[in-house]
Amino acid sequence: NSFLWPFLMTSSPGVQPVEVGLAA
């Protein structure tokens, strides 16, 4: 369920989790 940390630390879908994908 983590969102903020991977959202700030990653930029490519190749390593991002699903929660960051919701930002699309």
PDB file of all heavy atoms in Angstrom:
ATOM      1  N   ASN A   1       0.801  -1.220   0.000  1.00  0.00           N
ATOM      2  CA  ASN A   1       0.000   0.000   0.000  1.00  0.00           C
ATOM      3  C   ASN A   1       0.838   1.277   0.000  1.00  0.00           C
ATOM      4  O   ASN A   1       0.278   2.369   0.042  1.00  0.00           O
ATOM      5  CB  ASN A   1      -0.918   0.016   1.229  1.00  0.00           C
ATOM      6  CG  ASN A   1      -1.968  -1.076   1.168  1.00  0.00           C
ATOM      7  OD1 ASN A   1      -2.495  -1.387   0.109  1.00  0.00           O
ATOM      8  ND2 ASN A   1      -2.281  -1.668   2.317  1.00  0.00           N
ATOM      9  N   SER A   2       2.152   1.151  -0.039  1.00  0.00           N
ATOM     10  CA  SER A   2       3.011   2.333  -0.005  1.00  0.00           C
ATOM     11  C   SER A   2       2.873   3.154  -1.285  1.00  0.00           C
ATOM     12  O   SER A   2       2.893   2.610  -2.396  1.00  0.00           O
ATOM     13  CB  SER A   2       4.469   1.898   0.190  1.00  0.00           C
ATOM     14  OG  SER A   2       5.325   3.023   0.183  1.00  0.00           O
ATOM     15  N   PHE A   3       2.762   4.454  -1.133  1.00  0.00           N
ATOM     16  CA  PHE A   3       2.629   5.324  -2.302  1.00  0.00           C
ATOM     17  C   PHE A   3       3.671   6.447  -2.322  1.00  0.00           C
ATOM     18  O   PHE A   3       4.382   6.626  -3.303  1.00  0.00           O
ATOM     19  CB  PHE A   3       1.232   5.950  -2.341  1.00  0.00           C
ATOM     20  CG  PHE A   3       1.102   7.046  -3.377  1.00  0.00           C
ATOM     21  CD1 PHE A   3       1.005   6.737  -4.727  1.00  0.00           C
ATOM     22  CD2 PHE A   3       1.088   8.389  -3.001  1.00  0.00           C
ATOM     23  CE1 PHE A   3       0.902   7.738  -5.682  1.00  0.00           C
ATOM     24  CE2 PHE A   3       0.988   9.390  -3.943  1.00  0.00           C
ATOM     25  CZ  PHE A   3       0.890   9.062  -5.289  1.00  0.00           C
ATOM     26  N   LEU A   4       3.766   7.216  -1.220  1.00  0.00           N
ATOM     27  CA  LEU A   4       4.602   8.418  -1.231  1.00  0.00           C
ATOM     28  C   LEU A   4       6.069   8.097  -1.503  1.00  0.00           C
ATOM     29  O   LEU A   4       6.710   8.753  -2.337  1.00  0.00           O
ATOM     30  CB  LEU A   4       4.465   9.154   0.112  1.00  0.00           C
ATOM     31  CG  LEU A   4       5.270  10.451   0.231  1.00  0.00           C
ATOM     32  CD1 LEU A   4       4.835  11.454  -0.832  1.00  0.00           C
ATOM     33  CD2 LEU A   4       5.121  11.052   1.631  1.00  0.00           C
ATOM     34  N   TRP A   5       6.618   7.103  -0.800  1.00  0.00           N
ATOM     35  CA  TRP A   5       8.040   6.786  -0.970  1.00  0.00           C
ATOM     36  C   TRP A   5       8.378   6.365  -2.402  1.00  0.00           C
ATOM     37  O   TRP A   5       9.264   6.965  -3.024  1.00  0.00           O
ATOM     38  CB  TRP A   5       8.448   5.720   0.040  1.00  0.00           C
ATOM     39  CG  TRP A   5       9.897   5.354  -0.015  1.00  0.00           C
ATOM     40  CD1 TRP A   5      10.468   4.341  -0.736  1.00  0.00           C
ATOM     41  CD2 TRP A   5      10.983   6.007   0.659  1.00  0.00           C
ATOM     42  NE1 TRP A   5      11.825   4.308  -0.550  1.00  0.00           N
ATOM     43  CE2 TRP A   5      12.168   5.329   0.306  1.00  0.00           C
ATOM     44  CE3 TRP A   5      11.050   7.088   1.529  1.00  0.00           C
ATOM     45  CZ2 TRP A   5      13.405   5.704   0.800  1.00  0.00           C
ATOM     46  CZ3 TRP A   5      12.285   7.463   2.011  1.00  0.00           C
ATOM     47  CH2 TRP A   5      13.451   6.779   1.650  1.00  0.00           C
ATOM     48  N   PRO A   6       7.720   5.357  -2.974  1.00  0.00           N
ATOM     49  CA  PRO A   6       8.064   4.999  -4.360  1.00  0.00           C
ATOM     50  C   PRO A   6       7.715   6.088  -5.360  1.00  0.00           C
ATOM     51  O   PRO A   6       8.370   6.211  -6.402  1.00  0.00           O
ATOM     52  CB  PRO A   6       7.249   3.724  -4.607  1.00  0.00           C
ATOM     53  CG  PRO A   6       6.157   3.756  -3.605  1.00  0.00           C
ATOM     54  CD  PRO A   6       6.724   4.440  -2.407  1.00  0.00           C
ATOM     55  N   PHE A   7       6.707   6.900  -5.067  1.00  0.00           N
ATOM     56  CA  PHE A   7       6.341   7.984  -5.975  1.00  0.00           C
ATOM     57  C   PHE A   7       7.470   9.010  -6.072  1.00  0.00           C
ATOM     58  O   PHE A   7       7.742   9.561  -7.151  1.00  0.00           O
ATOM     59  CB  PHE A   7       5.057   8.658  -5.486  1.00  0.00           C
ATOM     60  CG  PHE A   7       4.594   9.788  -6.358  1.00  0.00           C
ATOM     61  CD1 PHE A   7       3.995   9.540  -7.583  1.00  0.00           C
ATOM     62  CD2 PHE A   7       4.757  11.107  -5.950  1.00  0.00           C
ATOM     63  CE1 PHE A   7       3.566  10.585  -8.391  1.00  0.00           C
ATOM     64  CE2 PHE A   7       4.336  12.160  -6.744  1.00  0.00           C
ATOM     65  CZ  PHE A   7       3.737  11.901  -7.974  1.00  0.00           C
ATOM     66  N   LEU A   8       8.144   9.274  -4.948  1.00  0.00           N
ATOM     67  CA  LEU A   8       9.233  10.248  -4.928  1.00  0.00           C
ATOM     68  C   LEU A   8      10.554   9.665  -5.409  1.00  0.00           C
ATOM     69  O   LEU A   8      11.373  10.367  -5.996  1.00  0.00           O
ATOM     70  CB  LEU A   8       9.413  10.805  -3.511  1.00  0.00           C
ATOM     71  CG  LEU A   8       8.259  11.627  -2.941  1.00  0.00           C
ATOM     72  CD1 LEU A   8       8.543  12.004  -1.493  1.00  0.00           C
ATOM     73  CD2 LEU A   8       8.005  12.876  -3.769  1.00  0.00           C
ATOM     74  N   MET A   9      10.763   8.370  -5.151  1.00  0.00           N
ATOM     75  CA  MET A   9      12.062   7.769  -5.406  1.00  0.00           C
ATOM     76  C   MET A   9      12.168   7.075  -6.768  1.00  0.00           C
ATOM     77  O   MET A   9      13.270   6.673  -7.158  1.00  0.00           O
ATOM     78  CB  MET A   9      12.387   6.749  -4.307  1.00  0.00           C
ATOM     79  CG  MET A   9      12.469   7.345  -2.915  1.00  0.00           C
ATOM     80  SD  MET A   9      13.821   8.543  -2.758  1.00  0.00           S
ATOM     81  CE  MET A   9      13.521   9.175  -1.101  1.00  0.00           C
ATOM     82  N   THR A  10      11.057   6.918  -7.473  1.00  0.00           N
ATOM     83  CA  THR A  10      11.100   6.234  -8.769  1.00  0.00           C
ATOM     84  C   THR A  10      10.431   7.100  -9.829  1.00  0.00           C
ATOM     85  O   THR A  10       9.621   7.976  -9.511  1.00  0.00           O
ATOM     86  CB  THR A  10      10.398   4.870  -8.709  1.00  0.00           C
ATOM     87  OG1 THR A  10       9.011   5.056  -8.385  1.00  0.00           O
ATOM     88  CG2 THR A  10      11.039   3.978  -7.659  1.00  0.00           C
ATOM     89  N   SER A  11      10.769   6.820 -11.082  1.00  0.00           N
ATOM     90  CA  SER A  11      10.198   7.600 -12.182  1.00  0.00           C
ATOM     91  C   SER A  11       9.788   6.752 -13.376  1.00  0.00           C
ATOM     92  O   SER A  11       9.109   7.257 -14.272  1.00  0.00           O
ATOM     93  CB  SER A  11      11.202   8.663 -12.639  1.00  0.00           C
ATOM     94  OG  SER A  11      12.426   8.055 -13.048  1.00  0.00           O
ATOM     95  N   SER A  12      10.161   5.481 -13.415  1.00  0.00           N
ATOM     96  CA  SER A  12       9.831   4.634 -14.568  1.00  0.00           C
ATOM     97  C   SER A  12       8.932   3.479 -14.146  1.00  0.00           C
ATOM     98  O   SER A  12       9.115   2.901 -13.068  1.00  0.00           O
ATOM     99  CB  SER A  12      11.102   4.087 -15.217  1.00  0.00           C
ATOM    100  OG  SER A  12      11.795   3.256 -14.311  1.00  0.00           O
ATOM    101  N   PRO A  13       7.947   3.111 -14.983  1.00  0.00           N
ATOM    102  CA  PRO A  13       7.055   1.998 -14.657  1.00  0.00           C
ATOM    103  C   PRO A  13       7.777   0.664 -14.510  1.00  0.00           C
ATOM    104  O   PRO A  13       7.237  -0.274 -13.927  1.00  0.00           O
ATOM    105  CB  PRO A  13       6.084   1.968 -15.845  1.00  0.00           C
ATOM    106  CG  PRO A  13       6.152   3.330 -16.439  1.00  0.00           C
ATOM    107  CD  PRO A  13       7.575   3.779 -16.232  1.00  0.00           C
ATOM    108  N   GLY A  14       9.009   0.585 -15.005  1.00  0.00           N
ATOM    109  CA  GLY A  14       9.745  -0.666 -14.923  1.00  0.00           C
ATOM    110  C   GLY A  14      10.057  -1.103 -13.512  1.00  0.00           C
ATOM    111  O   GLY A  14      10.279  -2.296 -13.261  1.00  0.00           O
ATOM    112  N   VAL A  15      10.060  -0.162 -12.556  1.00  0.00           N
ATOM    113  CA  VAL A  15      10.363  -0.503 -11.163  1.00  0.00           C
ATOM    114  C   VAL A  15       9.292   0.001 -10.200  1.00  0.00           C
ATOM    115  O   VAL A  15       9.403  -0.211  -8.994  1.00  0.00           O
ATOM    116  CB  VAL A  15      11.732   0.067 -10.733  1.00  0.00           C
ATOM    117  CG1 VAL A  15      12.855  -0.557 -11.545  1.00  0.00           C
ATOM    118  CG2 VAL A  15      11.751   1.592 -10.859  1.00  0.00           C
ATOM    119  N   GLN A  16       8.259   0.663 -10.705  1.00  0.00           N
ATOM    120  CA  GLN A  16       7.250   1.243  -9.832  1.00  0.00           C
ATOM    121  C   GLN A  16       6.203   0.211  -9.400  1.00  0.00           C
ATOM    122  O   GLN A  16       5.908  -0.724 -10.140  1.00  0.00           O
ATOM    123  CB  GLN A  16       6.552   2.420 -10.522  1.00  0.00           C
ATOM    124  CG  GLN A  16       7.427   3.654 -10.659  1.00  0.00           C
ATOM    125  CD  GLN A  16       6.742   4.765 -11.416  1.00  0.00           C
ATOM    126  OE1 GLN A  16       5.854   4.530 -12.230  1.00  0.00           O
ATOM    127  NE2 GLN A  16       7.153   6.003 -11.147  1.00  0.00           N
ATOM    128  N   PRO A  17       5.593   0.389  -8.202  1.00  0.00           N
ATOM    129  CA  PRO A  17       4.525  -0.499  -7.743  1.00  0.00           C
ATOM    130  C   PRO A  17       3.153  -0.016  -8.218  1.00  0.00           C
ATOM    131  O   PRO A  17       3.027   1.060  -8.827  1.00  0.00           O
ATOM    132  CB  PRO A  17       4.642  -0.404  -6.213  1.00  0.00           C
ATOM    133  CG  PRO A  17       5.156   0.973  -5.975  1.00  0.00           C
ATOM    134  CD  PRO A  17       6.049   1.303  -7.137  1.00  0.00           C
ATOM    135  N   VAL A  18       2.123  -0.785  -7.896  1.00  0.00           N
ATOM    136  CA  VAL A  18       0.780  -0.481  -8.400  1.00  0.00           C
ATOM    137  C   VAL A  18       0.235   0.822  -7.837  1.00  0.00           C
ATOM    138  O   VAL A  18      -0.515   1.525  -8.526  1.00  0.00           O
ATOM    139  CB  VAL A  18      -0.197  -1.632  -8.066  1.00  0.00           C
ATOM    140  CG1 VAL A  18       0.121  -2.860  -8.875  1.00  0.00           C
ATOM    141  CG2 VAL A  18      -0.197  -1.945  -6.580  1.00  0.00           C
ATOM    142  N   GLU A  19       0.562   1.160  -6.599  1.00  0.00           N
ATOM    143  CA  GLU A  19       0.015   2.379  -6.010  1.00  0.00           C
ATOM    144  C   GLU A  19       0.460   3.610  -6.788  1.00  0.00           C
ATOM    145  O   GLU A  19      -0.302   4.568  -6.927  1.00  0.00           O
ATOM    146  CB  GLU A  19       0.443   2.493  -4.548  1.00  0.00           C
ATOM    147  CG  GLU A  19      -0.148   1.433  -3.640  1.00  0.00           C
ATOM    148  CD  GLU A  19      -1.655   1.500  -3.558  1.00  0.00           C
ATOM    149  OE1 GLU A  19      -2.202   2.620  -3.617  1.00  0.00           O
ATOM    150  OE2 GLU A  19      -2.296   0.446  -3.451  1.00  0.00           O
ATOM    151  N   VAL A  20       1.676   3.600  -7.297  1.00  0.00           N
ATOM    152  CA  VAL A  20       2.148   4.728  -8.103  1.00  0.00           C
ATOM    153  C   VAL A  20       1.430   4.742  -9.447  1.00  0.00           C
ATOM    154  O   VAL A  20       1.183   5.809 -10.015  1.00  0.00           O
ATOM    155  CB  VAL A  20       3.672   4.654  -8.289  1.00  0.00           C
ATOM    156  CG1 VAL A  20       4.165   5.789  -9.170  1.00  0.00           C
ATOM    157  CG2 VAL A  20       4.364   4.712  -6.937  1.00  0.00           C
ATOM    158  N   GLY A  21       1.086   3.568  -9.957  1.00  0.00           N
ATOM    159  CA  GLY A  21       0.347   3.498 -11.214  1.00  0.00           C
ATOM    160  C   GLY A  21      -0.993   4.198 -11.146  1.00  0.00           C
ATOM    161  O   GLY A  21      -1.512   4.675 -12.169  1.00  0.00           O
ATOM    162  N   LEU A  22      -1.576   4.289  -9.952  1.00  0.00           N
ATOM    163  CA  LEU A  22      -2.866   4.969  -9.802  1.00  0.00           C
ATOM    164  C   LEU A  22      -2.757   6.455 -10.095  1.00  0.00           C
ATOM    165  O   LEU A  22      -3.754   7.111 -10.393  1.00  0.00           O
ATOM    166  CB  LEU A  22      -3.406   4.759  -8.386  1.00  0.00           C
ATOM    167  CG  LEU A  22      -3.740   3.309  -7.996  1.00  0.00           C
ATOM    168  CD1 LEU A  22      -4.167   3.251  -6.542  1.00  0.00           C
ATOM    169  CD2 LEU A  22      -4.827   2.744  -8.894  1.00  0.00           C
ATOM    170  N   ALA A  23      -1.550   7.002  -9.995  1.00  0.00           N
ATOM    171  CA  ALA A  23      -1.360   8.428 -10.273  1.00  0.00           C
ATOM    172  C   ALA A  23      -1.567   8.761 -11.740  1.00  0.00           C
ATOM    173  O   ALA A  23      -1.674   9.935 -12.108  1.00  0.00           O
ATOM    174  CB  ALA A  23       0.037   8.863  -9.834  1.00  0.00           C
ATOM    175  N   ALA A  24      -1.644   7.741 -12.598  1.00  0.00           N
ATOM    176  CA  ALA A  24      -1.853   7.981 -14.028  1.00  0.00           C
ATOM    177  C   ALA A  24      -3.213   8.611 -14.315  1.00  0.00           C
ATOM    178  O   ALA A  24      -3.423   9.176 -15.393  1.00  0.00           O
ATOM    179  CB  ALA A  24      -1.717   6.663 -14.800  1.00  0.00           C
TER     180      ALA A  24
END
